[in-house]
Structures are given as C-alpha cells and as structure tokens.
N, C-alpha and C. Protein backbone atom coordinates (compact mmCIF):
# COMPACT_ATOMS: atom_id res chain seq x y z
N MET A 1 13.15 -43.04 36.12
CA MET A 1 12.26 -43.67 36.81
C MET A 1 13.04 -44.87 37.84
N ASN A 2 12.84 -45.10 38.95
CA ASN A 2 13.77 -45.85 39.70
C ASN A 2 12.65 -47.41 39.62
N ARG A 3 13.76 -48.40 39.53
CA ARG A 3 13.07 -49.80 39.73
C ARG A 3 12.14 -49.95 40.79
N LEU A 4 12.52 -49.33 42.03
CA LEU A 4 11.85 -49.72 43.32
C LEU A 4 10.50 -49.13 43.14
N VAL A 5 10.79 -48.04 42.58
CA VAL A 5 9.38 -47.19 42.59
C VAL A 5 8.06 -48.09 41.64
N LEU A 6 8.83 -48.49 40.56
CA LEU A 6 7.90 -49.15 39.82
C LEU A 6 7.52 -50.48 40.37
N LEU A 7 8.27 -51.15 41.07
CA LEU A 7 7.96 -52.41 41.97
C LEU A 7 7.08 -52.03 42.73
N PHE A 8 7.14 -51.04 43.48
CA PHE A 8 5.94 -50.52 44.53
C PHE A 8 4.52 -50.24 43.70
N LEU A 9 4.54 -49.69 42.71
CA LEU A 9 3.26 -49.16 41.75
C LEU A 9 2.82 -50.78 41.25
N HIS A 10 3.69 -51.71 41.03
CA HIS A 10 3.21 -52.77 40.26
C HIS A 10 2.55 -53.40 41.33
N ILE A 11 2.90 -53.56 42.33
CA ILE A 11 2.42 -54.50 43.64
C ILE A 11 1.00 -53.62 44.02
N ALA A 12 1.07 -52.37 43.89
CA ALA A 12 -0.31 -51.55 44.27
C ALA A 12 -1.23 -51.68 43.14
N SER A 13 -0.92 -52.24 41.84
CA SER A 13 -1.58 -52.64 40.53
C SER A 13 -2.26 -53.81 40.87
N LEU A 14 -1.45 -55.05 41.42
CA LEU A 14 -1.96 -56.16 41.91
C LEU A 14 -3.08 -56.06 42.73
N VAL A 15 -3.08 -55.14 43.89
CA VAL A 15 -3.79 -55.08 44.96
C VAL A 15 -5.15 -54.96 44.36
N LEU A 16 -5.22 -53.86 43.42
CA LEU A 16 -6.32 -53.45 42.56
C LEU A 16 -6.66 -54.69 41.65
N LEU A 17 -5.94 -55.24 41.26
CA LEU A 17 -6.37 -56.57 40.20
C LEU A 17 -7.14 -57.41 41.30
N GLY A 18 -6.73 -57.52 42.49
CA GLY A 18 -7.25 -58.61 43.46
C GLY A 18 -8.71 -58.14 43.91
N PHE A 19 -8.82 -56.97 44.18
CA PHE A 19 -10.16 -56.26 44.36
C PHE A 19 -11.06 -56.34 43.19
N GLY A 20 -10.33 -56.23 42.06
CA GLY A 20 -11.21 -56.08 40.97
C GLY A 20 -11.97 -57.36 40.44
N TRP A 21 -11.09 -58.69 40.86
CA TRP A 21 -11.60 -60.00 40.90
C TRP A 21 -12.79 -60.49 41.75
N VAL A 22 -12.46 -60.00 42.99
CA VAL A 22 -13.41 -60.29 44.01
C VAL A 22 -14.77 -59.53 44.44
N LYS A 23 -14.41 -58.27 44.13
CA LYS A 23 -15.57 -57.44 44.32
C LYS A 23 -16.47 -57.16 43.23
N ASP A 24 -17.73 -56.65 43.53
CA ASP A 24 -18.87 -56.81 42.53
C ASP A 24 -18.60 -55.91 41.59
N MET A 25 -18.62 -56.16 40.33
CA MET A 25 -18.45 -55.45 39.38
C MET A 25 -19.89 -54.56 38.64
N LEU A 26 -20.94 -55.27 38.93
CA LEU A 26 -22.18 -54.87 38.17
C LEU A 26 -23.14 -55.30 39.27
N HIS A 27 -24.21 -54.35 39.41
CA HIS A 27 -25.36 -54.64 40.06
C HIS A 27 -26.52 -54.22 39.05
N ILE A 28 -27.47 -55.41 39.27
CA ILE A 28 -28.76 -55.41 38.36
C ILE A 28 -29.70 -55.60 38.83
N GLU A 29 -30.83 -54.67 39.01
CA GLU A 29 -32.44 -54.72 39.79
C GLU A 29 -33.36 -54.41 38.96
N ILE A 30 -34.21 -55.53 38.88
CA ILE A 30 -35.36 -55.20 38.19
C ILE A 30 -36.45 -55.30 39.18
N SER A 31 -37.42 -54.38 39.23
CA SER A 31 -38.50 -54.11 39.99
C SER A 31 -39.76 -54.07 39.03
N ALA A 32 -40.75 -54.28 39.80
CA ALA A 32 -42.37 -54.01 39.37
C ALA A 32 -43.01 -53.11 40.13
N HIS A 33 -43.66 -52.26 39.62
CA HIS A 33 -44.52 -51.52 40.33
C HIS A 33 -45.99 -51.46 40.26
N PHE A 34 -46.59 -52.31 41.30
CA PHE A 34 -48.06 -52.70 41.04
C PHE A 34 -48.79 -51.95 42.30
N ILE A 35 -49.23 -52.50 42.98
CA ILE A 35 -49.97 -52.02 44.08
C ILE A 35 -48.77 -51.28 45.21
N VAL A 36 -47.98 -52.36 45.31
CA VAL A 36 -46.71 -52.30 45.96
C VAL A 36 -45.24 -52.45 45.01
N ASP A 37 -44.13 -51.95 45.58
CA ASP A 37 -43.04 -52.12 44.80
C ASP A 37 -42.47 -53.50 45.07
N LEU A 38 -42.43 -54.33 44.12
CA LEU A 38 -41.83 -55.65 43.98
C LEU A 38 -40.32 -55.62 43.51
N SER A 39 -39.45 -56.37 44.26
CA SER A 39 -38.09 -56.53 43.67
C SER A 39 -37.99 -58.11 43.03
N LEU A 40 -38.35 -57.97 41.74
CA LEU A 40 -38.18 -59.06 40.98
C LEU A 40 -36.81 -59.96 40.93
N PHE A 41 -35.78 -59.06 40.82
CA PHE A 41 -34.47 -59.37 40.33
C PHE A 41 -33.39 -58.31 41.19
N ASN A 42 -32.37 -58.85 41.93
CA ASN A 42 -31.73 -58.10 42.57
C ASN A 42 -30.27 -59.10 42.58
N GLU A 43 -29.23 -58.63 41.60
CA GLU A 43 -28.04 -59.19 41.67
C GLU A 43 -26.62 -58.72 41.53
N ASP A 44 -25.89 -58.86 42.28
CA ASP A 44 -24.42 -58.40 42.15
C ASP A 44 -23.50 -59.40 41.57
N ARG A 45 -22.60 -58.92 40.64
CA ARG A 45 -21.72 -60.04 40.05
C ARG A 45 -20.28 -59.41 40.16
N SER A 46 -19.31 -60.32 40.40
CA SER A 46 -17.89 -60.03 40.32
C SER A 46 -17.07 -60.95 39.37
N VAL A 47 -15.99 -60.71 39.11
CA VAL A 47 -15.60 -61.70 37.90
C VAL A 47 -15.50 -62.98 38.32
N LEU A 48 -14.79 -63.60 39.31
CA LEU A 48 -14.76 -64.69 39.72
C LEU A 48 -16.06 -65.22 40.11
N GLY A 49 -17.07 -64.73 40.34
CA GLY A 49 -18.37 -65.14 40.80
C GLY A 49 -19.28 -65.42 39.22
N THR A 50 -18.97 -64.50 38.49
CA THR A 50 -19.26 -64.66 37.07
C THR A 50 -18.74 -66.00 36.40
N LEU A 51 -17.63 -66.08 36.62
CA LEU A 51 -16.72 -67.16 36.04
C LEU A 51 -17.37 -68.43 36.54
N GLN A 52 -17.45 -68.52 38.08
CA GLN A 52 -18.18 -69.88 38.80
C GLN A 52 -19.68 -69.95 38.13
N THR A 53 -20.52 -68.75 37.98
CA THR A 53 -21.81 -69.25 37.16
C THR A 53 -21.79 -69.54 35.82
N LEU A 54 -20.67 -68.85 34.95
CA LEU A 54 -20.51 -69.44 33.60
C LEU A 54 -20.23 -70.88 33.63
N TRP A 55 -19.49 -71.37 34.28
CA TRP A 55 -18.69 -72.80 34.47
C TRP A 55 -19.85 -73.71 34.63
N HIS A 56 -20.59 -73.55 35.81
CA HIS A 56 -21.58 -74.37 36.23
C HIS A 56 -23.07 -74.38 35.17
N SER A 57 -22.97 -73.48 34.27
CA SER A 57 -24.32 -73.37 33.71
C SER A 57 -23.74 -73.97 32.26
N GLY A 58 -22.60 -74.23 31.99
CA GLY A 58 -22.19 -74.75 30.74
C GLY A 58 -21.70 -74.02 29.91
N ASN A 59 -21.73 -72.44 30.01
CA ASN A 59 -21.32 -71.37 29.29
C ASN A 59 -19.72 -71.37 29.01
N TYR A 60 -19.06 -72.38 28.59
CA TYR A 60 -17.78 -72.60 28.50
C TYR A 60 -16.91 -71.50 27.73
N TRP A 61 -17.62 -70.85 26.45
CA TRP A 61 -16.87 -70.08 25.77
C TRP A 61 -16.51 -68.28 26.38
N PRO A 62 -17.98 -67.80 26.97
CA PRO A 62 -17.64 -66.81 27.48
C PRO A 62 -16.76 -66.98 28.88
N PHE A 63 -16.95 -67.98 29.40
CA PHE A 63 -16.05 -68.69 30.74
C PHE A 63 -14.40 -68.52 30.20
N LEU A 64 -14.13 -68.98 29.05
CA LEU A 64 -12.73 -68.85 28.44
C LEU A 64 -12.25 -67.42 28.28
N LEU A 65 -13.06 -66.75 27.79
CA LEU A 65 -12.57 -65.64 27.31
C LEU A 65 -12.35 -64.71 28.38
N ILE A 66 -13.45 -64.55 29.55
CA ILE A 66 -13.22 -63.96 30.54
C ILE A 66 -11.94 -64.22 31.44
N PHE A 67 -12.06 -65.63 31.51
CA PHE A 67 -10.82 -66.21 32.37
C PHE A 67 -9.44 -66.02 31.53
N LEU A 68 -9.37 -65.94 30.32
CA LEU A 68 -8.19 -65.71 29.47
C LEU A 68 -7.85 -64.37 29.76
N PHE A 69 -8.92 -63.18 29.38
CA PHE A 69 -8.36 -61.78 29.35
C PHE A 69 -8.33 -61.13 30.44
N GLY A 70 -9.31 -61.59 31.53
CA GLY A 70 -9.28 -61.11 33.04
C GLY A 70 -8.62 -62.00 33.89
N ILE A 71 -7.95 -62.98 33.77
CA ILE A 71 -7.24 -63.60 35.11
C ILE A 71 -5.82 -64.07 34.28
N VAL A 72 -5.77 -64.88 33.23
CA VAL A 72 -4.39 -65.24 32.62
C VAL A 72 -3.46 -64.55 31.92
N VAL A 73 -4.19 -63.41 31.31
CA VAL A 73 -3.21 -62.28 30.74
C VAL A 73 -2.83 -61.55 31.94
N PRO A 74 -3.42 -61.01 32.77
CA PRO A 74 -2.99 -60.07 33.94
C PRO A 74 -1.97 -60.99 34.81
N LEU A 75 -1.93 -62.06 34.95
CA LEU A 75 -0.81 -62.89 35.69
C LEU A 75 0.14 -63.14 35.08
N VAL A 76 0.15 -63.46 33.83
CA VAL A 76 1.36 -63.42 32.92
C VAL A 76 2.06 -62.31 32.54
N LYS A 77 1.20 -61.15 32.45
CA LYS A 77 1.92 -59.94 32.64
C LYS A 77 2.46 -59.23 33.69
N SER A 78 2.07 -59.86 34.73
CA SER A 78 2.66 -59.29 36.08
C SER A 78 3.76 -60.16 36.23
N ALA A 79 3.93 -61.61 36.05
CA ALA A 79 5.12 -62.10 36.12
C ALA A 79 6.23 -61.69 35.26
N VAL A 80 5.92 -61.26 34.00
CA VAL A 80 7.12 -60.83 33.22
C VAL A 80 7.38 -59.34 33.75
N ILE A 81 6.41 -58.68 34.11
CA ILE A 81 6.89 -57.34 34.93
C ILE A 81 7.81 -57.52 35.94
N PHE A 82 7.51 -58.38 36.83
CA PHE A 82 8.48 -58.81 37.86
C PHE A 82 9.80 -59.06 37.29
N TYR A 83 9.92 -60.06 36.54
CA TYR A 83 11.11 -60.29 35.77
C TYR A 83 11.91 -59.33 35.42
N LEU A 84 11.17 -58.18 34.57
CA LEU A 84 11.94 -57.24 33.89
C LEU A 84 12.65 -56.30 34.93
N LEU A 85 11.53 -56.13 36.27
CA LEU A 85 12.12 -55.31 37.29
C LEU A 85 13.24 -55.75 37.88
N ALA A 86 13.36 -57.19 37.86
CA ALA A 86 14.30 -57.79 39.01
C ALA A 86 15.89 -57.96 38.12
N VAL A 87 15.60 -58.18 36.74
CA VAL A 87 16.87 -58.34 35.95
C VAL A 87 17.15 -56.93 35.11
N LYS A 88 18.44 -56.92 35.41
CA LYS A 88 19.09 -55.58 34.92
C LYS A 88 19.21 -55.69 33.29
N ASN A 89 19.66 -56.43 32.80
CA ASN A 89 19.99 -56.70 31.32
C ASN A 89 18.88 -57.69 30.75
N ALA A 90 17.64 -57.48 31.25
CA ALA A 90 16.55 -58.48 30.25
C ALA A 90 16.77 -58.15 28.90
N HIS A 91 16.32 -59.08 28.27
CA HIS A 91 16.30 -59.03 26.69
C HIS A 91 15.17 -58.25 26.51
N PRO A 92 15.27 -57.37 25.69
CA PRO A 92 14.49 -56.39 24.99
C PRO A 92 12.94 -57.27 24.38
N ALA A 93 12.94 -58.42 23.92
CA ALA A 93 11.74 -59.26 23.50
C ALA A 93 10.67 -59.28 24.61
N TRP A 94 11.28 -59.47 25.83
CA TRP A 94 10.31 -59.44 26.95
C TRP A 94 9.57 -58.49 27.27
N PHE A 95 10.23 -57.20 27.26
CA PHE A 95 9.66 -56.04 27.16
C PHE A 95 8.65 -56.03 25.95
N GLY A 96 8.97 -56.40 25.07
CA GLY A 96 8.06 -56.38 23.57
C GLY A 96 6.89 -57.15 23.90
N PHE A 97 6.98 -58.28 24.49
CA PHE A 97 6.05 -59.22 24.89
C PHE A 97 5.02 -58.58 25.83
N VAL A 98 5.67 -57.97 26.87
CA VAL A 98 4.63 -57.37 27.84
C VAL A 98 3.75 -56.23 27.29
N ASN A 99 4.53 -55.50 26.38
CA ASN A 99 3.93 -54.24 25.91
C ASN A 99 2.71 -54.59 24.91
N ALA A 100 3.06 -55.90 24.26
CA ALA A 100 1.73 -56.45 23.28
C ALA A 100 0.71 -56.91 24.12
N ILE A 101 0.92 -57.64 25.41
CA ILE A 101 -0.29 -58.31 26.17
C ILE A 101 -0.69 -57.07 26.63
N SER A 102 0.02 -56.18 26.98
CA SER A 102 -0.53 -54.80 27.98
C SER A 102 -1.92 -54.66 27.14
N LYS A 103 -1.90 -54.46 25.89
CA LYS A 103 -3.18 -53.92 25.09
C LYS A 103 -4.24 -54.67 25.30
N TRP A 104 -4.09 -56.12 25.36
CA TRP A 104 -5.10 -57.26 25.60
C TRP A 104 -5.85 -57.14 26.85
N ALA A 105 -5.10 -56.69 27.93
CA ALA A 105 -5.66 -56.54 29.20
C ALA A 105 -7.04 -55.49 29.34
N MET A 106 -7.11 -54.70 28.13
CA MET A 106 -8.19 -53.98 28.21
C MET A 106 -9.44 -54.50 27.66
N ALA A 107 -9.17 -55.73 27.11
CA ALA A 107 -10.40 -56.51 26.58
C ALA A 107 -11.34 -56.90 27.48
N ASP A 108 -11.23 -57.12 28.81
CA ASP A 108 -12.21 -57.46 30.12
C ASP A 108 -12.94 -56.16 30.19
N VAL A 109 -12.10 -55.05 30.44
CA VAL A 109 -12.80 -53.74 30.81
C VAL A 109 -13.79 -53.39 29.62
N PHE A 110 -13.50 -53.55 28.46
CA PHE A 110 -14.41 -53.18 27.48
C PHE A 110 -15.51 -54.07 27.34
N ALA A 111 -15.34 -55.51 27.49
CA ALA A 111 -16.56 -56.28 27.50
C ALA A 111 -17.52 -56.17 28.67
N ILE A 112 -16.99 -55.73 29.90
CA ILE A 112 -17.83 -55.24 30.88
C ILE A 112 -18.38 -54.04 30.64
N SER A 113 -17.90 -53.15 30.33
CA SER A 113 -18.46 -51.68 29.76
C SER A 113 -19.67 -51.80 28.82
N ILE A 114 -19.30 -52.85 27.94
CA ILE A 114 -20.40 -53.06 26.71
C ILE A 114 -21.43 -53.64 27.17
N LEU A 115 -21.10 -54.63 28.14
CA LEU A 115 -22.50 -55.08 28.84
C LEU A 115 -23.44 -54.25 29.52
N VAL A 116 -22.48 -53.15 30.50
CA VAL A 116 -23.36 -52.11 31.26
C VAL A 116 -24.05 -51.34 30.11
N ALA A 117 -23.38 -50.88 29.04
CA ALA A 117 -24.04 -49.92 27.96
C ALA A 117 -25.29 -50.55 27.74
N PHE A 118 -25.25 -51.88 27.15
CA PHE A 118 -26.23 -52.83 26.41
C PHE A 118 -27.52 -52.74 27.39
N LEU A 119 -27.12 -53.09 28.66
CA LEU A 119 -28.20 -53.09 29.85
C LEU A 119 -28.71 -51.72 29.86
N GLY A 120 -28.20 -50.79 29.91
CA GLY A 120 -28.44 -49.32 30.10
C GLY A 120 -29.24 -48.78 28.85
N ALA A 121 -28.72 -49.11 27.76
CA ALA A 121 -29.42 -48.61 26.48
C ALA A 121 -30.82 -49.34 26.35
N THR A 122 -30.90 -50.93 26.62
CA THR A 122 -32.12 -51.60 26.46
C THR A 122 -32.91 -51.70 27.28
N ALA A 123 -32.66 -51.39 28.48
CA ALA A 123 -33.49 -51.66 29.86
C ALA A 123 -34.93 -50.91 29.90
N MET A 124 -35.68 -51.62 30.43
CA MET A 124 -37.08 -50.93 30.63
C MET A 124 -36.93 -50.19 31.72
N GLU A 125 -38.09 -49.34 32.03
CA GLU A 125 -38.13 -48.39 32.86
C GLU A 125 -37.91 -48.73 34.46
N ASN A 126 -38.14 -50.31 34.30
CA ASN A 126 -38.15 -51.00 35.90
C ASN A 126 -36.74 -51.78 36.00
N THR A 127 -35.92 -51.52 35.11
CA THR A 127 -34.33 -52.14 35.34
C THR A 127 -33.20 -50.98 35.53
N LYS A 128 -32.63 -51.31 36.23
CA LYS A 128 -31.45 -50.48 36.62
C LYS A 128 -30.07 -51.21 36.84
N ALA A 129 -29.12 -50.85 36.23
CA ALA A 129 -27.88 -51.66 35.93
C ALA A 129 -26.76 -50.52 36.51
N SER A 130 -25.79 -50.90 37.31
CA SER A 130 -24.94 -49.80 37.98
C SER A 130 -23.50 -50.35 37.91
N LEU A 131 -22.65 -49.75 37.69
CA LEU A 131 -21.09 -50.17 38.08
C LEU A 131 -20.84 -50.08 39.77
N GLU A 132 -20.17 -51.38 39.89
CA GLU A 132 -19.58 -51.52 41.42
C GLU A 132 -18.32 -51.16 41.43
N ILE A 133 -17.75 -51.25 42.78
CA ILE A 133 -16.17 -50.92 43.03
C ILE A 133 -15.47 -51.83 42.35
N GLY A 134 -15.88 -53.09 42.01
CA GLY A 134 -14.80 -54.18 41.41
C GLY A 134 -14.61 -53.68 39.91
N PHE A 135 -15.32 -52.89 39.43
CA PHE A 135 -15.18 -52.53 37.89
C PHE A 135 -14.02 -51.29 37.91
N TYR A 136 -14.32 -50.46 39.27
CA TYR A 136 -13.15 -49.53 39.07
C TYR A 136 -11.66 -49.84 39.58
N CYS A 137 -11.73 -50.94 40.41
CA CYS A 137 -10.79 -51.65 40.79
C CYS A 137 -9.97 -52.31 39.75
N PHE A 138 -10.59 -52.88 38.83
CA PHE A 138 -9.99 -53.68 37.89
C PHE A 138 -9.72 -52.47 36.56
N THR A 139 -10.35 -51.42 36.46
CA THR A 139 -10.07 -50.41 35.47
C THR A 139 -8.69 -49.87 36.00
N GLY A 140 -8.77 -49.61 37.23
CA GLY A 140 -7.52 -48.87 37.97
C GLY A 140 -6.48 -49.70 37.68
N TYR A 141 -6.50 -51.34 37.73
CA TYR A 141 -5.43 -51.98 37.46
C TYR A 141 -4.92 -52.06 36.28
N VAL A 142 -5.66 -51.85 35.26
CA VAL A 142 -5.47 -51.81 33.72
C VAL A 142 -4.83 -50.54 33.27
N LEU A 143 -5.22 -49.56 34.01
CA LEU A 143 -4.58 -48.13 33.53
C LEU A 143 -3.24 -48.07 34.28
N LEU A 144 -3.15 -48.55 35.51
CA LEU A 144 -1.77 -48.41 36.36
C LEU A 144 -0.67 -49.25 35.62
N SER A 145 -1.37 -50.50 35.44
CA SER A 145 -0.23 -51.41 34.98
C SER A 145 0.11 -50.85 33.44
N GLY A 146 -0.70 -50.31 32.93
CA GLY A 146 -0.51 -49.66 31.54
C GLY A 146 0.66 -48.70 31.81
N VAL A 147 0.48 -47.79 32.77
CA VAL A 147 1.55 -46.75 33.07
C VAL A 147 2.92 -47.39 33.17
N ILE A 148 2.74 -48.32 34.30
CA ILE A 148 3.93 -49.29 34.74
C ILE A 148 4.91 -49.75 33.12
N VAL A 149 3.97 -50.37 32.40
CA VAL A 149 4.54 -50.80 31.27
C VAL A 149 5.36 -49.66 30.42
N LEU A 150 4.66 -48.29 30.69
CA LEU A 150 5.22 -47.31 29.58
C LEU A 150 6.38 -46.69 30.20
N LEU A 151 6.45 -46.68 31.68
CA LEU A 151 7.71 -46.09 32.40
C LEU A 151 8.94 -47.16 32.35
N LEU A 152 8.58 -48.37 32.49
CA LEU A 152 9.42 -49.46 32.24
C LEU A 152 10.12 -49.43 30.97
N GLY A 153 9.54 -48.96 29.92
CA GLY A 153 10.09 -49.04 28.62
C GLY A 153 11.17 -47.95 28.59
N LYS A 154 10.84 -46.60 29.45
CA LYS A 154 12.08 -45.92 29.54
C LYS A 154 13.25 -46.19 30.20
N ILE A 155 13.33 -46.90 31.15
CA ILE A 155 14.38 -47.51 31.74
C ILE A 155 15.04 -48.85 31.15
N ILE A 156 14.21 -49.52 30.70
CA ILE A 156 14.96 -50.63 29.98
C ILE A 156 15.85 -50.35 28.79
N LYS A 157 16.88 -50.79 28.77
CA LYS A 157 18.14 -50.14 27.92
C LYS A 157 18.00 -51.26 26.60
N LYS A 158 17.99 -50.61 25.43
CA LYS A 158 17.49 -51.27 24.09
C LYS A 158 19.20 -51.48 23.57
N PRO A 159 19.24 -52.86 23.09
CA PRO A 159 20.46 -53.12 22.47
C PRO A 159 21.09 -52.19 21.39
N GLU A 160 22.14 -52.00 21.42
CA GLU A 160 22.65 -51.09 20.34
C GLU A 160 22.97 -51.94 19.20
N THR A 161 22.59 -51.45 17.83
CA THR A 161 22.66 -52.04 16.57
C THR A 161 23.69 -51.65 15.96
N SER A 162 24.72 -52.34 15.39
CA SER A 162 25.76 -52.25 14.63
C SER A 162 25.42 -52.11 13.01
N ASN A 163 26.34 -51.16 12.38
CA ASN A 163 25.80 -51.23 11.04
C ASN A 163 26.81 -52.13 10.23
N ALA A 164 27.34 -53.09 10.88
CA ALA A 164 28.65 -54.10 10.43
C ALA A 164 28.08 -55.04 9.53
C-alpha cells in the first residue's frame, strides 16, 4: 500500500472525526399523550455540545473521560500517524504506540452505544432515542483509522534483530 493513499485515507478519516464531533450523535424525545400530543423533551446532542453541557453543569469526571477518549486520543493518534507517514525510517515504537492507542479510540463509541442501548431498554412507551449522523461519522472515523493503522503496519519496516 502506498503512503500517499494512506495519507488520503487519513485525511478522510479526520473529516469524519470533525463531523463526528460537531454533528448530533443522539436524539432524545419524550412526549405525553393526553387529549393532545405534547412534546415534553426534545433534544439533540453532539460530542462538543455534550462536553460544554457537562463542563457548565460541574460534571467534570464524564467531561474528562469523553474529552480524553473522544478528543485527545484521536488527535494524538492522528499526529503520530502523520509522523509515521512522513518519515521513511520511523522507529517501530511509534507504530506500537499508535497501535496501542488505536484500541482506546473505540471507547467513546462504546460509551455512546451503551447510553443509547440503556435509553432504548429502559425507555417508557413515550420515550424515543435515536442515533444521528454524528454517531455514524465518529464510528466511521474509528473504523477507517483502525484500517489505516493496520495497513500502516504492513508498510513500516521492522528492524532486523541479530542473534549476536
């Protein structure tokens, strides 16, 4: 696989990541059916919007977790991938590092999935939760960047070990 193709794929994954951050991931609607249908709660949430809400409401632990796994890990991973694509003889430890943090990038997708599953499983008949485009963009980023790391591993030369 050509490094230029991987660079193009990596840039495409970052576009997905950006949309995953700003586009709504989850839509929640709670309604009541009396004489007329009333919408009691109707809200869309994006990653950045959720972070802002968590910070302003003093929920620093969930803020930190989502910020770390949803923002920091992907940015660090991206920087290392750019480095590995730019340098012909990068030290294999850098690839080991990006390979290891690649697994952590999935943490945010699982967290959102669990939240949606919880809402769906415990929802009353007048509650609806649905995934929005931001969820699919973020998941697309995670999957595409995982493929990039896998393909990058095939083109990075491992140093020869001697038996001396």
